[in-house]
């Protein structure tokens, strides 16, 4: 059966949410928009359902998954909160922040969501569609990006269908996502230290303002959170960064005054560039040119997160 046919794509109205919730409850997978990218959701309390995510994505089993919850109260039932966690939740939830926290003993979460770690990555998303699905299901949902592992993350339902095809049971089409890159991930250590494990829309400076000090944790060599693989977000072609102009056979993704085949933001707006990053990489991947070049991106604010994704795409 071809699951990319329109019957697999539902509008996120009451009927569509009910259909998606039914798929989730029976252990299937649903592609659902968040404010960052589309996620591939399954119930986080069922080993077989979580295995379905890994199977659909072809994801390495040592790479943990983000568990989505409707609010901080639901998160507190799954992880140990402290004053720092409460402060970050109050400042940034619902929103594009994921916190890696000590997992509570005995909670009903599939072991695979933590990939064998004693922690769990939790996020309370702001998108109305994901919130509606969470509340209808009444369950925490594991939801990495809805694409093949290592590939370019999806910012539209069409991207999901092209990447996963019949590997996803249902797609909720909520249009283009707004933030365009995955959530910031912060790890909060038991010794009081913290670290940015994955840059994202919420900057390290914003987090430091809440926590009252700069990141001071010793980084682990192990995978602690999603998006830490050296090669990730890859468009399937060689990628050259900091390109002032296109070379022979290169599809140029421009920024600011550097105009290319497509531009992240002709006005040099980093927020617009973040929102368009994956859409532009998808266009470059589909173009007939065999190589991709990307104009320089300022490495500050959300530009840090954009450059993180680009370096991994080029690895």
C-alpha atoms as a PDB file:
ATOM      1  CA  UNK A   1       0.000   0.000   0.000  1.00  0.00           C
ATOM      2  CA  UNK A   2       1.326   3.464  -0.886  1.00  0.00           C
ATOM      3  CA  UNK A   3       1.040   5.464   2.320  1.00  0.00           C
ATOM      4  CA  UNK A   4       2.084   8.702   0.677  1.00  0.00           C
ATOM      5  CA  UNK A   5      -1.369   8.881  -0.975  1.00  0.00           C
ATOM      6  CA  UNK A   6      -3.705  11.639   0.240  1.00  0.00           C
ATOM      7  CA  UNK A   7      -5.568   9.182   2.495  1.00  0.00           C
ATOM      8  CA  UNK A   8      -2.472   9.090   4.707  1.00  0.00           C
ATOM      9  CA  UNK A   9      -2.320  12.890   4.961  1.00  0.00           C
ATOM     10  CA  UNK A  10      -4.881  14.484   7.259  1.00  0.00           C
ATOM     11  CA  UNK A  11      -5.697  18.059   8.099  1.00  0.00           C
ATOM     12  CA  UNK A  12      -5.124  18.774  11.805  1.00  0.00           C
ATOM     13  CA  UNK A  13      -8.818  19.325  12.520  1.00  0.00           C
ATOM     14  CA  UNK A  14     -10.814  17.360  15.091  1.00  0.00           C
ATOM     15  CA  UNK A  15     -11.250  14.436  12.698  1.00  0.00           C
ATOM     16  CA  UNK A  16      -7.564  14.378  11.787  1.00  0.00           C
ATOM     17  CA  UNK A  17      -6.408  14.600  15.410  1.00  0.00           C
ATOM     18  CA  UNK A  18      -8.781  11.768  16.368  1.00  0.00           C
ATOM     19  CA  UNK A  19      -7.434   9.594  13.525  1.00  0.00           C
ATOM     20  CA  UNK A  20      -3.852  10.345  14.548  1.00  0.00           C
ATOM     21  CA  UNK A  21      -4.571   9.571  18.197  1.00  0.00           C
ATOM     22  CA  UNK A  22      -6.091   6.224  17.194  1.00  0.00           C
ATOM     23  CA  UNK A  23      -2.886   5.350  15.317  1.00  0.00           C
ATOM     24  CA  UNK A  24      -0.786   6.350  18.342  1.00  0.00           C
ATOM     25  CA  UNK A  25      -2.907   4.354  20.787  1.00  0.00           C
ATOM     26  CA  UNK A  26      -2.493   1.157  18.773  1.00  0.00           C
ATOM     27  CA  UNK A  27       1.297   1.612  18.634  1.00  0.00           C
ATOM     28  CA  UNK A  28       1.736   3.250  15.229  1.00  0.00           C
ATOM     29  CA  UNK A  29       3.647   6.315  14.074  1.00  0.00           C
ATOM     30  CA  UNK A  30       2.306   9.771  13.192  1.00  0.00           C
ATOM     31  CA  UNK A  31       4.184  12.664  11.594  1.00  0.00           C
ATOM     32  CA  UNK A  32       3.114  15.836  13.368  1.00  0.00           C
ATOM     33  CA  UNK A  33       4.226  19.473  13.097  1.00  0.00           C
ATOM     34  CA  UNK A  34       5.865  21.292  15.963  1.00  0.00           C
ATOM     35  CA  UNK A  35       7.077  24.880  15.985  1.00  0.00           C
ATOM     36  CA  UNK A  36      10.578  23.601  15.081  1.00  0.00           C
ATOM     37  CA  UNK A  37      10.333  20.701  12.589  1.00  0.00           C
ATOM     38  CA  UNK A  38       7.936  17.810  11.937  1.00  0.00           C
ATOM     39  CA  UNK A  39       8.273  14.998  14.462  1.00  0.00           C
ATOM     40  CA  UNK A  40       7.679  11.267  14.043  1.00  0.00           C
ATOM     41  CA  UNK A  41       5.548  10.535  17.101  1.00  0.00           C
ATOM     42  CA  UNK A  42       4.778   7.271  18.858  1.00  0.00           C
ATOM     43  CA  UNK A  43       3.696   6.474  22.392  1.00  0.00           C
ATOM     44  CA  UNK A  44       6.736   6.718  24.647  1.00  0.00           C
ATOM     45  CA  UNK A  45       5.506   4.086  27.122  1.00  0.00           C
ATOM     46  CA  UNK A  46       5.579   1.141  24.718  1.00  0.00           C
ATOM     47  CA  UNK A  47       8.765  -0.658  23.622  1.00  0.00           C
ATOM     48  CA  UNK A  48       7.261  -1.878  20.348  1.00  0.00           C
ATOM     49  CA  UNK A  49       5.936   1.575  19.429  1.00  0.00           C
ATOM     50  CA  UNK A  50       9.315   3.208  20.088  1.00  0.00           C
ATOM     51  CA  UNK A  51      11.001   0.452  18.093  1.00  0.00           C
ATOM     52  CA  UNK A  52       8.711   1.507  15.231  1.00  0.00           C
ATOM     53  CA  UNK A  53      10.307   4.957  15.288  1.00  0.00           C
ATOM     54  CA  UNK A  54      13.812   3.518  15.133  1.00  0.00           C
ATOM     55  CA  UNK A  55      12.738   1.166  12.348  1.00  0.00           C
ATOM     56  CA  UNK A  56      11.092   3.922  10.297  1.00  0.00           C
ATOM     57  CA  UNK A  57      14.064   6.265  10.616  1.00  0.00           C
ATOM     58  CA  UNK A  58      16.824   3.675  10.403  1.00  0.00           C
ATOM     59  CA  UNK A  59      18.097   5.420  13.535  1.00  0.00           C
ATOM     60  CA  UNK A  60      21.091   4.110  15.520  1.00  0.00           C
ATOM     61  CA  UNK A  61      19.867   2.607  18.786  1.00  0.00           C
ATOM     62  CA  UNK A  62      22.419   4.571  20.821  1.00  0.00           C
ATOM     63  CA  UNK A  63      20.801   7.872  19.842  1.00  0.00           C
ATOM     64  CA  UNK A  64      18.141   8.869  22.413  1.00  0.00           C
ATOM     65  CA  UNK A  65      14.729  10.344  21.592  1.00  0.00           C
ATOM     66  CA  UNK A  66      12.986  13.467  22.848  1.00  0.00           C
ATOM     67  CA  UNK A  67       9.836  12.784  24.839  1.00  0.00           C
ATOM     68  CA  UNK A  68       7.120  15.410  24.362  1.00  0.00           C
ATOM     69  CA  UNK A  69       4.693  16.348  27.125  1.00  0.00           C
ATOM     70  CA  UNK A  70       1.820  18.859  27.289  1.00  0.00           C
ATOM     71  CA  UNK A  71       3.088  20.758  30.347  1.00  0.00           C
ATOM     72  CA  UNK A  72       5.619  20.879  33.182  1.00  0.00           C
ATOM     73  CA  UNK A  73       3.385  18.825  35.466  1.00  0.00           C
ATOM     74  CA  UNK A  74       3.505  15.921  33.031  1.00  0.00           C
ATOM     75  CA  UNK A  75       7.281  16.322  32.762  1.00  0.00           C
ATOM     76  CA  UNK A  76       7.721  16.220  36.529  1.00  0.00           C
ATOM     77  CA  UNK A  77       6.100  12.795  36.601  1.00  0.00           C
ATOM     78  CA  UNK A  78       8.883  11.480  34.333  1.00  0.00           C
ATOM     79  CA  UNK A  79      12.040  13.290  35.513  1.00  0.00           C
ATOM     80  CA  UNK A  80      13.584  14.812  38.617  1.00  0.00           C
ATOM     81  CA  UNK A  81      13.132  18.591  38.646  1.00  0.00           C
ATOM     82  CA  UNK A  82      15.129  21.087  40.691  1.00  0.00           C
ATOM     83  CA  UNK A  83      15.106  24.878  40.992  1.00  0.00           C
ATOM     84  CA  UNK A  84      17.045  25.284  37.725  1.00  0.00           C
ATOM     85  CA  UNK A  85      14.671  23.025  35.823  1.00  0.00           C
ATOM     86  CA  UNK A  86      11.636  24.849  37.169  1.00  0.00           C
ATOM     87  CA  UNK A  87      13.145  28.201  36.194  1.00  0.00           C
ATOM     88  CA  UNK A  88      13.870  27.070  32.629  1.00  0.00           C
ATOM     89  CA  UNK A  89      10.404  25.548  32.250  1.00  0.00           C
ATOM     90  CA  UNK A  90       8.812  28.781  33.473  1.00  0.00           C
ATOM     91  CA  UNK A  91      10.898  30.844  31.044  1.00  0.00           C
ATOM     92  CA  UNK A  92      10.772  28.729  27.887  1.00  0.00           C
ATOM     93  CA  UNK A  93       7.918  26.197  28.045  1.00  0.00           C
ATOM     94  CA  UNK A  94       5.910  25.687  25.987  1.00  0.00           C
ATOM     95  CA  UNK A  95       8.601  26.284  23.412  1.00  0.00           C
ATOM     96  CA  UNK A  96      11.757  25.172  21.640  1.00  0.00           C
ATOM     97  CA  UNK A  97      13.776  23.998  24.652  1.00  0.00           C
ATOM     98  CA  UNK A  98      14.550  20.362  25.492  1.00  0.00           C
ATOM     99  CA  UNK A  99      15.990  19.493  28.899  1.00  0.00           C
ATOM    100  CA  UNK A 100      17.995  16.325  29.578  1.00  0.00           C
ATOM    101  CA  UNK A 101      17.157  15.381  33.166  1.00  0.00           C
ATOM    102  CA  UNK A 102      17.547  12.457  35.567  1.00  0.00           C
ATOM    103  CA  UNK A 103      14.859   9.930  34.730  1.00  0.00           C
ATOM    104  CA  UNK A 104      12.601   8.938  37.621  1.00  0.00           C
ATOM    105  CA  UNK A 105      12.852   5.318  38.660  1.00  0.00           C
ATOM    106  CA  UNK A 106       9.934   3.115  37.703  1.00  0.00           C
ATOM    107  CA  UNK A 107       8.296   5.551  35.245  1.00  0.00           C
ATOM    108  CA  UNK A 108       6.313   4.072  32.368  1.00  0.00           C
ATOM    109  CA  UNK A 109       8.734   4.955  29.573  1.00  0.00           C
ATOM    110  CA  UNK A 110      10.225   2.556  27.066  1.00  0.00           C
ATOM    111  CA  UNK A 111      13.905   1.951  27.809  1.00  0.00           C
ATOM    112  CA  UNK A 112      14.784   2.781  24.211  1.00  0.00           C
ATOM    113  CA  UNK A 113      13.804   6.447  24.538  1.00  0.00           C
ATOM    114  CA  UNK A 114      16.842   6.955  26.777  1.00  0.00           C
ATOM    115  CA  UNK A 115      19.129   4.643  24.754  1.00  0.00           C
ATOM    116  CA  UNK A 116      20.383   3.048  27.959  1.00  0.00           C
ATOM    117  CA  UNK A 117      21.138   6.353  29.714  1.00  0.00           C
ATOM    118  CA  UNK A 118      19.846   7.255  33.217  1.00  0.00           C
ATOM    119  CA  UNK A 119      18.392  10.469  31.773  1.00  0.00           C
ATOM    120  CA  UNK A 120      15.423  11.465  29.643  1.00  0.00           C
ATOM    121  CA  UNK A 121      15.144  14.340  27.149  1.00  0.00           C
ATOM    122  CA  UNK A 122      11.893  16.252  27.700  1.00  0.00           C
ATOM    123  CA  UNK A 123      10.182  19.049  25.787  1.00  0.00           C
ATOM    124  CA  UNK A 124       6.862  20.832  26.084  1.00  0.00           C
ATOM    125  CA  UNK A 125       6.119  22.016  22.523  1.00  0.00           C
ATOM    126  CA  UNK A 126       4.225  25.205  21.688  1.00  0.00           C
ATOM    127  CA  UNK A 127       2.579  24.081  18.428  1.00  0.00           C
ATOM    128  CA  UNK A 128      -1.222  23.782  18.629  1.00  0.00           C
ATOM    129  CA  UNK A 129      -1.314  20.545  16.587  1.00  0.00           C
ATOM    130  CA  UNK A 130       1.240  18.704  18.712  1.00  0.00           C
ATOM    131  CA  UNK A 131      -0.459  19.975  21.864  1.00  0.00           C
ATOM    132  CA  UNK A 132      -3.830  18.738  20.606  1.00  0.00           C
ATOM    133  CA  UNK A 133      -2.379  15.308  19.852  1.00  0.00           C
ATOM    134  CA  UNK A 134      -0.689  15.077  23.263  1.00  0.00           C
ATOM    135  CA  UNK A 135      -3.875  16.006  25.093  1.00  0.00           C
ATOM    136  CA  UNK A 136      -6.065  13.697  23.022  1.00  0.00           C
ATOM    137  CA  UNK A 137      -3.729  10.734  23.574  1.00  0.00           C
ATOM    138  CA  UNK A 138      -3.100  11.502  27.243  1.00  0.00           C
ATOM    139  CA  UNK A 139       0.376   9.977  26.858  1.00  0.00           C
ATOM    140  CA  UNK A 140       3.941  11.254  26.536  1.00  0.00           C
ATOM    141  CA  UNK A 141       5.047  10.968  22.922  1.00  0.00           C
ATOM    142  CA  UNK A 142       8.535  10.166  21.697  1.00  0.00           C
ATOM    143  CA  UNK A 143       9.076  12.258  18.572  1.00  0.00           C
ATOM    144  CA  UNK A 144      12.396  12.722  16.772  1.00  0.00           C
ATOM    145  CA  UNK A 145      12.392  14.519  13.421  1.00  0.00           C
ATOM    146  CA  UNK A 146      10.213  12.790  10.821  1.00  0.00           C
ATOM    147  CA  UNK A 147      12.899  11.840   8.296  1.00  0.00           C
ATOM    148  CA  UNK A 148      15.393   9.075   7.607  1.00  0.00           C
ATOM    149  CA  UNK A 149      18.162   9.111  10.217  1.00  0.00           C
ATOM    150  CA  UNK A 150      21.000  11.469   9.347  1.00  0.00           C
ATOM    151  CA  UNK A 151      19.033  13.172   6.586  1.00  0.00           C
ATOM    152  CA  UNK A 152      17.654  16.697   6.286  1.00  0.00           C
ATOM    153  CA  UNK A 153      14.918  17.402   8.818  1.00  0.00           C
ATOM    154  CA  UNK A 154      11.404  18.079   7.470  1.00  0.00           C
ATOM    155  CA  UNK A 155       9.674  21.441   7.710  1.00  0.00           C
ATOM    156  CA  UNK A 156       6.601  20.430   5.678  1.00  0.00           C
ATOM    157  CA  UNK A 157       4.339  17.419   5.257  1.00  0.00           C
ATOM    158  CA  UNK A 158       5.710  16.990   1.729  1.00  0.00           C
ATOM    159  CA  UNK A 159       9.232  16.600   3.134  1.00  0.00           C
ATOM    160  CA  UNK A 160       7.966  13.862   5.471  1.00  0.00           C
ATOM    161  CA  UNK A 161       6.250  11.953   2.668  1.00  0.00           C
ATOM    162  CA  UNK A 162       9.322  12.188   0.425  1.00  0.00           C
ATOM    163  CA  UNK A 163      11.689  10.962   3.147  1.00  0.00           C
ATOM    164  CA  UNK A 164       9.661   8.300   4.946  1.00  0.00           C
ATOM    165  CA  UNK A 165       7.059   7.228   2.373  1.00  0.00           C
ATOM    166  CA  UNK A 166       5.267   4.101   3.577  1.00  0.00           C
ATOM    167  CA  UNK A 167       7.330   3.994   6.788  1.00  0.00           C
ATOM    168  CA  UNK A 168       4.931   6.420   8.497  1.00  0.00           C
ATOM    169  CA  UNK A 169       1.325   5.455   9.249  1.00  0.00           C
ATOM    170  CA  UNK A 170      -0.275   8.927   9.143  1.00  0.00           C
ATOM    171  CA  UNK A 171       0.794  12.519   8.465  1.00  0.00           C
ATOM    172  CA  UNK A 172      -0.872  15.563  10.014  1.00  0.00           C
ATOM    173  CA  UNK A 173      -0.348  18.427   7.564  1.00  0.00           C
ATOM    174  CA  UNK A 174      -0.051  21.616   9.586  1.00  0.00           C
ATOM    175  CA  UNK A 175       1.753  23.581   6.881  1.00  0.00           C
ATOM    176  CA  UNK A 176       5.300  24.928   7.087  1.00  0.00           C
ATOM    177  CA  UNK A 177       6.936  25.007  10.508  1.00  0.00           C
ATOM    178  CA  UNK A 178       7.866  28.381  11.998  1.00  0.00           C
ATOM    179  CA  UNK A 179      11.249  28.057  13.729  1.00  0.00           C
ATOM    180  CA  UNK A 180      12.756  25.725  11.120  1.00  0.00           C
ATOM    181  CA  UNK A 181      15.505  24.078  13.198  1.00  0.00           C
ATOM    182  CA  UNK A 182      15.295  21.621  16.078  1.00  0.00           C
ATOM    183  CA  UNK A 183      14.968  22.652  19.697  1.00  0.00           C
ATOM    184  CA  UNK A 184      17.877  23.731  21.842  1.00  0.00           C
ATOM    185  CA  UNK A 185      18.938  20.891  24.149  1.00  0.00           C
ATOM    186  CA  UNK A 186      20.410  21.676  27.560  1.00  0.00           C
ATOM    187  CA  UNK A 187      21.835  19.058  29.902  1.00  0.00           C
ATOM    188  CA  UNK A 188      21.455  19.759  33.622  1.00  0.00           C
ATOM    189  CA  UNK A 189      23.984  17.834  35.716  1.00  0.00           C
ATOM    190  CA  UNK A 190      23.523  16.596  39.282  1.00  0.00           C
ATOM    191  CA  UNK A 191      26.607  18.578  40.343  1.00  0.00           C
ATOM    192  CA  UNK A 192      24.860  21.843  39.451  1.00  0.00           C
ATOM    193  CA  UNK A 193      26.641  22.338  36.131  1.00  0.00           C
ATOM    194  CA  UNK A 194      24.940  22.547  32.750  1.00  0.00           C
ATOM    195  CA  UNK A 195      25.827  22.437  29.054  1.00  0.00           C
ATOM    196  CA  UNK A 196      24.279  23.093  25.666  1.00  0.00           C
ATOM    197  CA  UNK A 197      24.121  19.654  24.041  1.00  0.00           C
ATOM    198  CA  UNK A 198      22.577  20.937  20.815  1.00  0.00           C
ATOM    199  CA  UNK A 199      22.268  24.608  19.794  1.00  0.00           C
ATOM    200  CA  UNK A 200      18.826  25.727  18.708  1.00  0.00           C
ATOM    201  CA  UNK A 201      16.375  28.648  18.595  1.00  0.00           C
ATOM    202  CA  UNK A 202      16.911  29.461  22.289  1.00  0.00           C
ATOM    203  CA  UNK A 203      20.462  30.716  22.672  1.00  0.00           C
ATOM    204  CA  UNK A 204      23.052  29.859  25.303  1.00  0.00           C
ATOM    205  CA  UNK A 205      22.971  33.498  26.407  1.00  0.00           C
ATOM    206  CA  UNK A 206      19.214  33.337  27.042  1.00  0.00           C
ATOM    207  CA  UNK A 207      19.633  30.177  29.109  1.00  0.00           C
ATOM    208  CA  UNK A 208      22.552  31.662  31.044  1.00  0.00           C
ATOM    209  CA  UNK A 209      20.384  34.678  31.898  1.00  0.00           C
ATOM    210  CA  UNK A 210      17.884  32.350  33.574  1.00  0.00           C
ATOM    211  CA  UNK A 211      20.428  30.104  35.292  1.00  0.00           C
ATOM    212  CA  UNK A 212      22.658  32.962  36.405  1.00  0.00           C
ATOM    213  CA  UNK A 213      25.926  31.791  34.915  1.00  0.00           C
ATOM    214  CA  UNK A 214      27.681  30.478  31.827  1.00  0.00           C
ATOM    215  CA  UNK A 215      27.732  26.851  30.740  1.00  0.00           C
ATOM    216  CA  UNK A 216      30.295  25.074  32.902  1.00  0.00           C
ATOM    217  CA  UNK A 217      29.783  21.330  32.469  1.00  0.00           C
ATOM    218  CA  UNK A 218      32.442  18.953  31.226  1.00  0.00           C
ATOM    219  CA  UNK A 219      31.164  17.562  27.929  1.00  0.00           C
ATOM    220  CA  UNK A 220      30.839  13.808  27.622  1.00  0.00           C
ATOM    221  CA  UNK A 221      32.312  11.903  24.676  1.00  0.00           C
ATOM    222  CA  UNK A 222      29.163   9.758  24.641  1.00  0.00           C
ATOM    223  CA  UNK A 223      25.957  10.588  22.810  1.00  0.00           C
ATOM    224  CA  UNK A 224      23.755  12.254  25.440  1.00  0.00           C
ATOM    225  CA  UNK A 225      21.043  13.807  23.285  1.00  0.00           C
ATOM    226  CA  UNK A 226      19.584  13.798  19.767  1.00  0.00           C
ATOM    227  CA  UNK A 227      21.509  15.569  17.018  1.00  0.00           C
ATOM    228  CA  UNK A 228      24.999  14.939  18.423  1.00  0.00           C
ATOM    229  CA  UNK A 229      26.206  12.545  15.726  1.00  0.00           C
ATOM    230  CA  UNK A 230      29.154  14.056  13.840  1.00  0.00           C
ATOM    231  CA  UNK A 231      27.419  13.472  10.491  1.00  0.00           C
ATOM    232  CA  UNK A 232      23.772  14.490  10.569  1.00  0.00           C
ATOM    233  CA  UNK A 233      21.204  16.526   8.603  1.00  0.00           C
ATOM    234  CA  UNK A 234      22.927  15.347   5.395  1.00  0.00           C
ATOM    235  CA  UNK A 235      21.376  16.187   1.984  1.00  0.00           C
ATOM    236  CA  UNK A 236      23.120  13.295   0.215  1.00  0.00           C
ATOM    237  CA  UNK A 237      25.608  15.480  -1.674  1.00  0.00           C
ATOM    238  CA  UNK A 238      28.973  17.024  -0.735  1.00  0.00           C
ATOM    239  CA  UNK A 239      28.464  20.349   1.052  1.00  0.00           C
ATOM    240  CA  UNK A 240      30.991  23.222   1.024  1.00  0.00           C
ATOM    241  CA  UNK A 241      30.568  25.895   3.678  1.00  0.00           C
ATOM    242  CA  UNK A 242      31.492  29.613   3.785  1.00  0.00           C
ATOM    243  CA  UNK A 243      31.258  29.898   0.005  1.00  0.00           C
ATOM    244  CA  UNK A 244      31.501  33.415  -1.400  1.00  0.00           C
ATOM    245  CA  UNK A 245      30.390  32.174  -4.832  1.00  0.00           C
ATOM    246  CA  UNK A 246      29.337  28.941  -6.516  1.00  0.00           C
ATOM    247  CA  UNK A 247      32.026  26.716  -7.947  1.00  0.00           C
ATOM    248  CA  UNK A 248      31.620  24.450 -10.948  1.00  0.00           C
ATOM    249  CA  UNK A 249      28.680  22.092 -10.507  1.00  0.00           C
ATOM    250  CA  UNK A 250      27.607  23.654  -7.194  1.00  0.00           C
ATOM    251  CA  UNK A 251      24.099  24.643  -6.159  1.00  0.00           C
ATOM    252  CA  UNK A 252      24.615  27.778  -4.057  1.00  0.00           C
ATOM    253  CA  UNK A 253      22.497  28.521  -0.995  1.00  0.00           C
ATOM    254  CA  UNK A 254      22.920  32.235  -0.449  1.00  0.00           C
ATOM    255  CA  UNK A 255      22.606  34.532   2.545  1.00  0.00           C
ATOM    256  CA  UNK A 256      22.503  38.315   2.741  1.00  0.00           C
ATOM    257  CA  UNK A 257      24.376  39.967  -0.153  1.00  0.00           C
ATOM    258  CA  UNK A 258      25.535  36.618  -1.547  1.00  0.00           C
ATOM    259  CA  UNK A 259      22.757  35.604  -3.903  1.00  0.00           C
ATOM    260  CA  UNK A 260      22.579  31.970  -4.919  1.00  0.00           C
ATOM    261  CA  UNK A 261      20.221  29.551  -6.618  1.00  0.00           C
ATOM    262  CA  UNK A 262      18.124  30.054  -3.488  1.00  0.00           C
ATOM    263  CA  UNK A 263      18.639  32.276  -0.443  1.00  0.00           C
ATOM    264  CA  UNK A 264      18.248  31.589   3.256  1.00  0.00           C
ATOM    265  CA  UNK A 265      17.531  35.297   3.717  1.00  0.00           C
ATOM    266  CA  UNK A 266      18.382  37.994   1.186  1.00  0.00           C
ATOM    267  CA  UNK A 267      18.043  40.548   3.980  1.00  0.00           C
ATOM    268  CA  UNK A 268      20.487  38.748   6.274  1.00  0.00           C
ATOM    269  CA  UNK A 269      17.822  37.867   8.859  1.00  0.00           C
ATOM    270  CA  UNK A 270      19.071  34.921  10.951  1.00  0.00           C
ATOM    271  CA  UNK A 271      15.597  33.969  12.168  1.00  0.00           C
ATOM    272  CA  UNK A 272      14.377  33.775   8.571  1.00  0.00           C
ATOM    273  CA  UNK A 273      17.494  31.785   7.670  1.00  0.00           C
ATOM    274  CA  UNK A 274      16.801  29.267  10.428  1.00  0.00           C
ATOM    275  CA  UNK A 275      13.206  28.885   9.309  1.00  0.00           C
ATOM    276  CA  UNK A 276      14.303  28.284   5.694  1.00  0.00           C
ATOM    277  CA  UNK A 277      17.430  26.176   6.323  1.00  0.00           C
ATOM    278  CA  UNK A 278      16.017  22.699   5.792  1.00  0.00           C
ATOM    279  CA  UNK A 279      13.689  23.775   2.994  1.00  0.00           C
ATOM    280  CA  UNK A 280      16.726  25.151   1.126  1.00  0.00           C
ATOM    281  CA  UNK A 281      18.733  21.976   1.784  1.00  0.00           C
ATOM    282  CA  UNK A 282      15.830  19.910   0.426  1.00  0.00           C
ATOM    283  CA  UNK A 283      15.803  22.081  -2.734  1.00  0.00           C
ATOM    284  CA  UNK A 284      19.570  21.666  -3.097  1.00  0.00           C
ATOM    285  CA  UNK A 285      19.292  17.902  -2.660  1.00  0.00           C
ATOM    286  CA  UNK A 286      16.675  17.715  -5.428  1.00  0.00           C
ATOM    287  CA  UNK A 287      18.580  19.995  -7.837  1.00  0.00           C
ATOM    288  CA  UNK A 288      20.454  18.474 -10.813  1.00  0.00           C
ATOM    289  CA  UNK A 289      23.783  19.926  -9.676  1.00  0.00           C
ATOM    290  CA  UNK A 290      25.942  17.338  -7.896  1.00  0.00           C
ATOM    291  CA  UNK A 291      27.449  19.649  -5.273  1.00  0.00           C
ATOM    292  CA  UNK A 292      26.125  22.129  -2.695  1.00  0.00           C
ATOM    293  CA  UNK A 293      27.733  25.337  -1.464  1.00  0.00           C
ATOM    294  CA  UNK A 294      26.466  27.546   1.346  1.00  0.00           C
ATOM    295  CA  UNK A 295      27.279  31.207   1.928  1.00  0.00           C
ATOM    296  CA  UNK A 296      28.873  32.265   5.247  1.00  0.00           C
ATOM    297  CA  UNK A 297      26.454  32.554   8.181  1.00  0.00           C
ATOM    298  CA  UNK A 298      27.292  34.819  11.153  1.00  0.00           C
ATOM    299  CA  UNK A 299      28.170  32.620  14.128  1.00  0.00           C
ATOM    300  CA  UNK A 300      26.183  34.366  16.834  1.00  0.00           C
ATOM    301  CA  UNK A 301      22.677  34.088  18.252  1.00  0.00           C
ATOM    302  CA  UNK A 302      20.612  31.596  16.288  1.00  0.00           C
ATOM    303  CA  UNK A 303      23.402  31.621  13.692  1.00  0.00           C
ATOM    304  CA  UNK A 304      25.326  29.322  16.056  1.00  0.00           C
ATOM    305  CA  UNK A 305      22.572  26.708  15.685  1.00  0.00           C
ATOM    306  CA  UNK A 306      22.441  27.165  11.895  1.00  0.00           C
ATOM    307  CA  UNK A 307      26.203  26.649  11.617  1.00  0.00           C
ATOM    308  CA  UNK A 308      26.008  23.590  13.882  1.00  0.00           C
ATOM    309  CA  UNK A 309      23.517  21.967  11.490  1.00  0.00           C
ATOM    310  CA  UNK A 310      25.543  22.980   8.430  1.00  0.00           C
ATOM    311  CA  UNK A 311      28.799  21.562   9.814  1.00  0.00           C
ATOM    312  CA  UNK A 312      27.103  18.234  10.501  1.00  0.00           C
ATOM    313  CA  UNK A 313      25.497  18.276   7.045  1.00  0.00           C
ATOM    314  CA  UNK A 314      28.955  18.780   5.534  1.00  0.00           C
ATOM    315  CA  UNK A 315      30.695  16.124   7.664  1.00  0.00           C
END
